[in-house]
Amino acid sequence: GFDASVSTNWRQEDREWRQTDLEFREEEKLWRKEDLGWREEERLHKEEERQFRLLSDQWRSQDIEQRNLENARYLWLRFADRTRRDLEEKGELLRSLSYQSALFAGFAVIAYVEFAIDVNNVSHVIIVGFAITTSTLSCLMVLGTP
């Protein structure tokens, strides 16, 4: 009788242990299913994050390219503006030089007329010298400006 009751107790404990083990296994299966769901969600989240990074990298490269274009355009406009100002300045310089040269040439001709130089009484050397100095004055005016 004692062996039968120990054996019955042992079987009862074994059944309870197996029942507990089955409950634990069922719980573990649920946990694993839940864990697989979380892993799938994490994988989807990582994929979305990777796509976002790709788009962000594309945007960044396009932004850098656009900034390079804007910088190049700004440098070109600055260069063109500086060149335009230089051309306007040179044009003004040439205009003022032409006015000065015209004034000096006019003064030279007026001086020739006002001094009333008679071609018959004056040596040809003086007339040639006067012409040379007048033309030299005009040439120096043209060459002397930067």
N, C-alpha and C. Protein backbone atom coordinates (compact mmCIF):
# COMPACT_ATOMS: atom_id res chain seq x y z
N GLY A 1 0.76 -1.16 0.00
CA GLY A 1 0.00 0.00 0.00
C GLY A 1 0.83 1.26 0.00
N PHE A 2 1.99 1.19 0.73
CA PHE A 2 2.79 2.41 0.78
C PHE A 2 3.37 2.72 -0.57
N ASP A 3 3.82 1.68 -1.28
CA ASP A 3 4.41 1.88 -2.60
C ASP A 3 3.35 2.40 -3.57
N ALA A 4 2.16 1.92 -3.47
CA ALA A 4 1.11 2.35 -4.37
C ALA A 4 0.76 3.80 -4.11
N SER A 5 0.74 4.21 -2.81
CA SER A 5 0.40 5.60 -2.54
C SER A 5 1.55 6.52 -2.96
N VAL A 6 2.80 6.11 -2.78
CA VAL A 6 3.96 6.92 -3.22
C VAL A 6 3.93 7.01 -4.74
N SER A 7 3.62 5.88 -5.38
CA SER A 7 3.57 5.86 -6.83
C SER A 7 2.44 6.74 -7.33
N THR A 8 1.32 6.75 -6.65
CA THR A 8 0.20 7.58 -7.03
C THR A 8 0.57 9.05 -6.81
N ASN A 9 1.20 9.33 -5.69
CA ASN A 9 1.64 10.71 -5.43
C ASN A 9 2.64 11.18 -6.49
N TRP A 10 3.54 10.26 -6.82
CA TRP A 10 4.55 10.63 -7.80
C TRP A 10 3.90 10.89 -9.15
N ARG A 11 2.95 10.05 -9.54
CA ARG A 11 2.24 10.25 -10.80
C ARG A 11 1.45 11.56 -10.78
N GLN A 12 0.84 11.82 -9.64
CA GLN A 12 0.08 13.07 -9.50
C GLN A 12 1.03 14.27 -9.64
N GLU A 13 2.18 14.23 -8.99
CA GLU A 13 3.16 15.32 -9.10
C GLU A 13 3.68 15.43 -10.53
N ASP A 14 3.89 14.26 -11.15
CA ASP A 14 4.36 14.27 -12.53
C ASP A 14 3.33 14.90 -13.46
N ARG A 15 2.05 14.58 -13.26
CA ARG A 15 0.98 15.18 -14.07
C ARG A 15 0.93 16.69 -13.84
N GLU A 16 1.05 17.09 -12.58
CA GLU A 16 1.03 18.54 -12.29
C GLU A 16 2.24 19.23 -12.92
N TRP A 17 3.39 18.54 -12.85
CA TRP A 17 4.60 19.13 -13.44
C TRP A 17 4.44 19.24 -14.94
N ARG A 18 3.90 18.22 -15.56
CA ARG A 18 3.69 18.25 -17.02
C ARG A 18 2.67 19.32 -17.39
N GLN A 19 1.63 19.47 -16.55
CA GLN A 19 0.63 20.51 -16.79
C GLN A 19 1.30 21.89 -16.69
N THR A 20 2.12 22.07 -15.66
CA THR A 20 2.84 23.34 -15.50
C THR A 20 3.78 23.56 -16.68
N ASP A 21 4.45 22.47 -17.10
CA ASP A 21 5.36 22.57 -18.24
C ASP A 21 4.61 22.94 -19.51
N LEU A 22 3.42 22.36 -19.72
CA LEU A 22 2.61 22.70 -20.90
C LEU A 22 2.16 24.16 -20.84
N GLU A 23 1.75 24.59 -19.66
CA GLU A 23 1.34 26.00 -19.51
C GLU A 23 2.53 26.93 -19.81
N PHE A 24 3.71 26.52 -19.29
CA PHE A 24 4.91 27.33 -19.53
C PHE A 24 5.25 27.37 -21.02
N ARG A 25 5.11 26.21 -21.67
CA ARG A 25 5.40 26.15 -23.11
C ARG A 25 4.40 26.99 -23.91
N GLU A 26 3.13 26.92 -23.52
CA GLU A 26 2.12 27.75 -24.19
C GLU A 26 2.44 29.23 -23.99
N GLU A 27 2.84 29.58 -22.78
CA GLU A 27 3.20 30.97 -22.49
C GLU A 27 4.43 31.38 -23.30
N GLU A 28 5.38 30.44 -23.42
CA GLU A 28 6.59 30.73 -24.20
C GLU A 28 6.25 30.89 -25.67
N LYS A 29 5.31 30.07 -26.19
CA LYS A 29 4.87 30.21 -27.58
C LYS A 29 4.24 31.58 -27.81
N LEU A 30 3.39 32.00 -26.89
CA LEU A 30 2.77 33.33 -27.01
C LEU A 30 3.84 34.42 -26.98
N TRP A 31 4.81 34.23 -26.07
CA TRP A 31 5.88 35.23 -25.97
C TRP A 31 6.68 35.28 -27.26
N ARG A 32 6.96 34.11 -27.82
CA ARG A 32 7.72 34.06 -29.08
C ARG A 32 6.94 34.70 -30.22
N LYS A 33 5.63 34.45 -30.30
CA LYS A 33 4.81 35.08 -31.33
C LYS A 33 4.83 36.60 -31.16
N GLU A 34 4.70 37.03 -29.90
CA GLU A 34 4.74 38.47 -29.63
C GLU A 34 6.11 39.04 -29.98
N ASP A 35 7.17 38.30 -29.64
CA ASP A 35 8.52 38.75 -29.95
C ASP A 35 8.73 38.82 -31.47
N LEU A 36 8.20 37.85 -32.21
CA LEU A 36 8.30 37.90 -33.67
C LEU A 36 7.56 39.12 -34.22
N GLY A 37 6.43 39.45 -33.62
CA GLY A 37 5.69 40.65 -34.04
C GLY A 37 6.50 41.91 -33.79
N TRP A 38 7.13 41.98 -32.60
CA TRP A 38 7.95 43.14 -32.29
C TRP A 38 9.17 43.22 -33.22
N ARG A 39 9.76 42.08 -33.51
CA ARG A 39 10.92 42.07 -34.43
C ARG A 39 10.52 42.53 -35.82
N GLU A 40 9.36 42.10 -36.28
CA GLU A 40 8.86 42.53 -37.60
C GLU A 40 8.62 44.04 -37.60
N GLU A 41 8.01 44.52 -36.51
CA GLU A 41 7.78 45.96 -36.40
C GLU A 41 9.10 46.72 -36.36
N GLU A 42 10.09 46.19 -35.66
CA GLU A 42 11.41 46.83 -35.59
C GLU A 42 12.07 46.83 -36.97
N ARG A 43 11.93 45.71 -37.70
CA ARG A 43 12.49 45.64 -39.06
C ARG A 43 11.84 46.68 -39.96
N LEU A 44 10.52 46.82 -39.87
CA LEU A 44 9.81 47.83 -40.67
C LEU A 44 10.26 49.23 -40.29
N HIS A 45 10.43 49.45 -38.99
CA HIS A 45 10.88 50.76 -38.52
C HIS A 45 12.29 51.07 -39.04
N LYS A 46 13.16 50.07 -39.01
CA LYS A 46 14.52 50.27 -39.53
C LYS A 46 14.50 50.54 -41.03
N GLU A 47 13.62 49.87 -41.75
CA GLU A 47 13.50 50.09 -43.19
C GLU A 47 13.00 51.52 -43.47
N GLU A 48 12.01 51.96 -42.69
CA GLU A 48 11.53 53.34 -42.84
C GLU A 48 12.64 54.33 -42.53
N GLU A 49 13.40 54.04 -41.49
CA GLU A 49 14.51 54.93 -41.12
C GLU A 49 15.58 54.96 -42.21
N ARG A 50 15.86 53.80 -42.82
CA ARG A 50 16.83 53.74 -43.91
C ARG A 50 16.33 54.56 -45.10
N GLN A 51 15.04 54.44 -45.43
CA GLN A 51 14.47 55.23 -46.52
C GLN A 51 14.56 56.72 -46.21
N PHE A 52 14.27 57.07 -44.96
CA PHE A 52 14.35 58.47 -44.56
C PHE A 52 15.78 58.99 -44.69
N ARG A 53 16.76 58.17 -44.29
CA ARG A 53 18.16 58.58 -44.43
C ARG A 53 18.55 58.75 -45.88
N LEU A 54 18.07 57.83 -46.74
CA LEU A 54 18.37 57.96 -48.17
C LEU A 54 17.79 59.26 -48.72
N LEU A 55 16.54 59.54 -48.37
CA LEU A 55 15.92 60.79 -48.82
C LEU A 55 16.65 62.00 -48.26
N SER A 56 17.05 61.90 -47.00
CA SER A 56 17.79 62.99 -46.38
C SER A 56 19.13 63.21 -47.06
N ASP A 57 19.82 62.12 -47.41
CA ASP A 57 21.09 62.24 -48.13
C ASP A 57 20.88 62.84 -49.51
N GLN A 58 19.80 62.42 -50.19
CA GLN A 58 19.49 63.01 -51.50
C GLN A 58 19.22 64.50 -51.37
N TRP A 59 18.42 64.85 -50.38
CA TRP A 59 18.10 66.27 -50.18
C TRP A 59 19.38 67.05 -49.88
N ARG A 60 20.24 66.47 -49.03
CA ARG A 60 21.48 67.16 -48.67
C ARG A 60 22.37 67.35 -49.89
N SER A 61 22.50 66.33 -50.72
CA SER A 61 23.34 66.47 -51.92
C SER A 61 22.74 67.49 -52.89
N GLN A 62 21.41 67.49 -53.04
CA GLN A 62 20.77 68.48 -53.91
C GLN A 62 20.93 69.88 -53.34
N ASP A 63 20.85 70.01 -52.01
CA ASP A 63 21.03 71.31 -51.37
C ASP A 63 22.45 71.82 -51.57
N ILE A 64 23.43 70.93 -51.43
CA ILE A 64 24.83 71.33 -51.64
C ILE A 64 25.04 71.74 -53.09
N GLU A 65 24.46 70.99 -54.02
CA GLU A 65 24.59 71.33 -55.43
C GLU A 65 23.95 72.69 -55.72
N GLN A 66 22.78 72.92 -55.14
CA GLN A 66 22.10 74.20 -55.34
C GLN A 66 22.93 75.35 -54.75
N ARG A 67 23.51 75.12 -53.58
CA ARG A 67 24.34 76.18 -52.98
C ARG A 67 25.57 76.45 -53.82
N ASN A 68 26.17 75.39 -54.39
CA ASN A 68 27.31 75.60 -55.28
C ASN A 68 26.91 76.41 -56.50
N LEU A 69 25.73 76.11 -57.06
CA LEU A 69 25.25 76.88 -58.20
C LEU A 69 25.01 78.35 -57.83
N GLU A 70 24.42 78.56 -56.65
CA GLU A 70 24.17 79.93 -56.20
C GLU A 70 25.47 80.67 -55.96
N ASN A 71 26.46 79.99 -55.37
CA ASN A 71 27.76 80.62 -55.15
C ASN A 71 28.43 80.96 -56.47
N ALA A 72 28.37 80.04 -57.43
CA ALA A 72 28.96 80.30 -58.74
C ALA A 72 28.26 81.47 -59.43
N ARG A 73 26.93 81.50 -59.32
CA ARG A 73 26.18 82.60 -59.93
C ARG A 73 26.54 83.93 -59.26
N TYR A 74 26.66 83.91 -57.92
CA TYR A 74 27.03 85.14 -57.21
C TYR A 74 28.42 85.60 -57.63
N LEU A 75 29.38 84.66 -57.72
CA LEU A 75 30.74 85.04 -58.15
C LEU A 75 30.75 85.58 -59.57
N TRP A 76 29.96 84.92 -60.46
CA TRP A 76 29.91 85.39 -61.83
C TRP A 76 29.30 86.80 -61.91
N LEU A 77 28.21 87.02 -61.18
CA LEU A 77 27.58 88.35 -61.19
C LEU A 77 28.50 89.40 -60.61
N ARG A 78 29.23 89.03 -59.55
CA ARG A 78 30.18 89.98 -58.96
C ARG A 78 31.30 90.31 -59.96
N PHE A 79 31.79 89.27 -60.66
CA PHE A 79 32.83 89.48 -61.66
C PHE A 79 32.29 90.34 -62.81
N ALA A 80 31.08 90.03 -63.27
CA ALA A 80 30.48 90.80 -64.38
C ALA A 80 30.24 92.24 -63.96
N ASP A 81 29.79 92.45 -62.74
CA ASP A 81 29.54 93.80 -62.24
C ASP A 81 30.85 94.58 -62.14
N ARG A 82 31.89 93.92 -61.61
CA ARG A 82 33.19 94.60 -61.50
C ARG A 82 33.73 94.93 -62.89
N THR A 83 33.58 94.02 -63.84
CA THR A 83 34.04 94.27 -65.21
C THR A 83 33.26 95.41 -65.83
N ARG A 84 31.94 95.42 -65.60
CA ARG A 84 31.12 96.51 -66.13
C ARG A 84 31.54 97.86 -65.56
N ARG A 85 31.80 97.88 -64.24
CA ARG A 85 32.26 99.13 -63.63
C ARG A 85 33.61 99.57 -64.18
N ASP A 86 34.51 98.60 -64.38
CA ASP A 86 35.82 98.93 -64.96
C ASP A 86 35.67 99.50 -66.37
N LEU A 87 34.78 98.88 -67.17
CA LEU A 87 34.56 99.38 -68.53
C LEU A 87 33.95 100.79 -68.52
N GLU A 88 33.00 101.01 -67.62
CA GLU A 88 32.42 102.35 -67.53
C GLU A 88 33.47 103.37 -67.11
N GLU A 89 34.32 102.96 -66.17
CA GLU A 89 35.38 103.86 -65.70
C GLU A 89 36.36 104.19 -66.82
N LYS A 90 36.76 103.16 -67.60
CA LYS A 90 37.68 103.39 -68.73
C LYS A 90 37.01 104.26 -69.79
N GLY A 91 35.72 104.03 -70.01
CA GLY A 91 35.01 104.87 -70.98
C GLY A 91 34.99 106.33 -70.55
N GLU A 92 34.72 106.56 -69.27
CA GLU A 92 34.74 107.94 -68.75
C GLU A 92 36.13 108.54 -68.89
N LEU A 93 37.15 107.73 -68.61
CA LEU A 93 38.52 108.21 -68.72
C LEU A 93 38.84 108.60 -70.16
N LEU A 94 38.45 107.76 -71.11
CA LEU A 94 38.70 108.08 -72.52
C LEU A 94 37.91 109.30 -72.97
N ARG A 95 36.70 109.43 -72.49
CA ARG A 95 35.89 110.59 -72.84
C ARG A 95 36.54 111.88 -72.34
N SER A 96 36.97 111.86 -71.06
CA SER A 96 37.62 113.06 -70.53
C SER A 96 38.95 113.33 -71.23
N LEU A 97 39.67 112.27 -71.61
CA LEU A 97 40.92 112.44 -72.34
C LEU A 97 40.68 113.06 -73.71
N SER A 98 39.61 112.60 -74.38
CA SER A 98 39.32 113.18 -75.70
C SER A 98 38.95 114.66 -75.58
N TYR A 99 38.21 115.00 -74.51
CA TYR A 99 37.88 116.42 -74.29
C TYR A 99 39.15 117.22 -74.03
N GLN A 100 40.04 116.70 -73.21
CA GLN A 100 41.29 117.42 -72.91
C GLN A 100 42.15 117.57 -74.16
N SER A 101 42.27 116.48 -74.93
CA SER A 101 43.08 116.53 -76.15
C SER A 101 42.50 117.54 -77.13
N ALA A 102 41.18 117.56 -77.24
CA ALA A 102 40.54 118.53 -78.14
C ALA A 102 40.81 119.95 -77.66
N LEU A 103 40.75 120.17 -76.34
CA LEU A 103 41.04 121.50 -75.81
C LEU A 103 42.48 121.92 -76.10
N PHE A 104 43.43 121.01 -75.83
CA PHE A 104 44.83 121.37 -76.07
C PHE A 104 45.12 121.58 -77.55
N ALA A 105 44.55 120.75 -78.40
CA ALA A 105 44.74 120.94 -79.84
C ALA A 105 44.10 122.25 -80.28
N GLY A 106 42.93 122.55 -79.74
CA GLY A 106 42.28 123.83 -80.07
C GLY A 106 43.12 125.00 -79.59
N PHE A 107 43.69 124.89 -78.37
CA PHE A 107 44.56 125.97 -77.88
C PHE A 107 45.80 126.13 -78.76
N ALA A 108 46.33 125.01 -79.25
CA ALA A 108 47.52 125.09 -80.12
C ALA A 108 47.18 125.79 -81.43
N VAL A 109 46.01 125.46 -82.00
CA VAL A 109 45.61 126.11 -83.26
C VAL A 109 45.32 127.59 -83.01
N ILE A 110 44.67 127.90 -81.91
CA ILE A 110 44.38 129.30 -81.57
C ILE A 110 45.68 130.07 -81.36
N ALA A 111 46.64 129.41 -80.70
CA ALA A 111 47.94 130.06 -80.48
C ALA A 111 48.60 130.35 -81.83
N TYR A 112 48.53 129.43 -82.74
CA TYR A 112 49.12 129.63 -84.07
C TYR A 112 48.46 130.81 -84.78
N VAL A 113 47.12 130.92 -84.64
CA VAL A 113 46.39 132.00 -85.30
C VAL A 113 46.62 133.32 -84.57
N GLU A 114 46.60 133.31 -83.22
CA GLU A 114 46.70 134.53 -82.43
C GLU A 114 48.07 135.18 -82.51
N PHE A 115 49.08 134.37 -82.65
CA PHE A 115 50.42 134.94 -82.75
C PHE A 115 50.65 135.56 -84.12
N ALA A 116 49.73 135.34 -85.02
CA ALA A 116 49.77 135.91 -86.36
C ALA A 116 51.12 135.65 -87.02
N ILE A 117 51.41 134.40 -87.09
CA ILE A 117 52.69 134.01 -87.71
C ILE A 117 52.52 134.10 -89.22
N ASP A 118 53.35 134.87 -89.81
CA ASP A 118 53.32 135.02 -91.27
C ASP A 118 54.25 133.95 -91.85
N VAL A 119 53.71 133.15 -92.71
CA VAL A 119 54.46 132.03 -93.25
C VAL A 119 55.66 132.53 -94.06
N ASN A 120 55.53 133.67 -94.69
CA ASN A 120 56.61 134.18 -95.54
C ASN A 120 57.78 134.74 -94.71
N ASN A 121 57.49 135.30 -93.53
CA ASN A 121 58.54 135.93 -92.73
C ASN A 121 59.20 134.98 -91.73
N VAL A 122 58.55 133.87 -91.44
CA VAL A 122 59.07 132.95 -90.41
C VAL A 122 59.70 131.75 -91.10
N SER A 123 60.74 131.29 -90.45
CA SER A 123 61.46 130.14 -91.00
C SER A 123 60.57 128.89 -90.94
N HIS A 124 60.79 128.03 -91.91
CA HIS A 124 60.03 126.78 -91.96
C HIS A 124 60.39 125.87 -90.78
N VAL A 125 61.55 126.04 -90.23
CA VAL A 125 61.99 125.23 -89.09
C VAL A 125 61.12 125.53 -87.87
N ILE A 126 60.75 126.80 -87.66
CA ILE A 126 59.91 127.17 -86.53
C ILE A 126 58.50 126.60 -86.70
N ILE A 127 57.99 126.66 -87.92
CA ILE A 127 56.65 126.11 -88.16
C ILE A 127 56.65 124.59 -87.95
N VAL A 128 57.65 123.90 -88.44
CA VAL A 128 57.76 122.45 -88.24
C VAL A 128 57.92 122.14 -86.76
N GLY A 129 58.72 122.93 -86.03
CA GLY A 129 58.90 122.73 -84.59
C GLY A 129 57.58 122.93 -83.84
N PHE A 130 56.83 123.98 -84.26
CA PHE A 130 55.53 124.21 -83.62
C PHE A 130 54.58 123.04 -83.87
N ALA A 131 54.56 122.49 -85.09
CA ALA A 131 53.70 121.35 -85.43
C ALA A 131 54.13 120.11 -84.64
N ILE A 132 55.44 119.93 -84.52
CA ILE A 132 55.94 118.76 -83.76
C ILE A 132 55.56 118.88 -82.29
N THR A 133 55.73 120.04 -81.68
CA THR A 133 55.37 120.19 -80.26
C THR A 133 53.87 120.04 -80.05
N THR A 134 53.06 120.53 -81.00
CA THR A 134 51.60 120.38 -80.88
C THR A 134 51.21 118.91 -80.96
N SER A 135 51.76 118.17 -81.92
CA SER A 135 51.44 116.74 -82.04
C SER A 135 52.01 115.96 -80.87
N THR A 136 53.19 116.34 -80.38
CA THR A 136 53.77 115.67 -79.20
C THR A 136 52.88 115.88 -77.98
N LEU A 137 52.35 117.09 -77.84
CA LEU A 137 51.43 117.37 -76.73
C LEU A 137 50.21 116.47 -76.78
N SER A 138 49.61 116.31 -77.95
CA SER A 138 48.44 115.43 -78.08
C SER A 138 48.80 113.97 -77.81
N CYS A 139 49.94 113.52 -78.32
CA CYS A 139 50.37 112.13 -78.08
C CYS A 139 50.63 111.87 -76.61
N LEU A 140 51.29 112.81 -75.96
CA LEU A 140 51.57 112.62 -74.52
C LEU A 140 50.28 112.61 -73.71
N MET A 141 49.30 113.37 -74.15
CA MET A 141 48.01 113.36 -73.46
C MET A 141 47.36 111.97 -73.57
N VAL A 142 47.45 111.39 -74.76
CA VAL A 142 46.84 110.08 -74.98
C VAL A 142 47.61 108.99 -74.22
N LEU A 143 48.93 109.03 -74.27
CA LEU A 143 49.74 107.99 -73.63
C LEU A 143 49.84 108.18 -72.12
N GLY A 144 49.65 109.39 -71.64
CA GLY A 144 49.85 109.65 -70.21
C GLY A 144 48.73 109.21 -69.30
N THR A 145 47.61 108.87 -69.87
CA THR A 145 46.48 108.44 -69.01
C THR A 145 46.54 106.93 -68.81
N PRO A 146 46.18 106.47 -67.63
CA PRO A 146 46.26 105.02 -67.34
C PRO A 146 45.18 104.23 -68.03
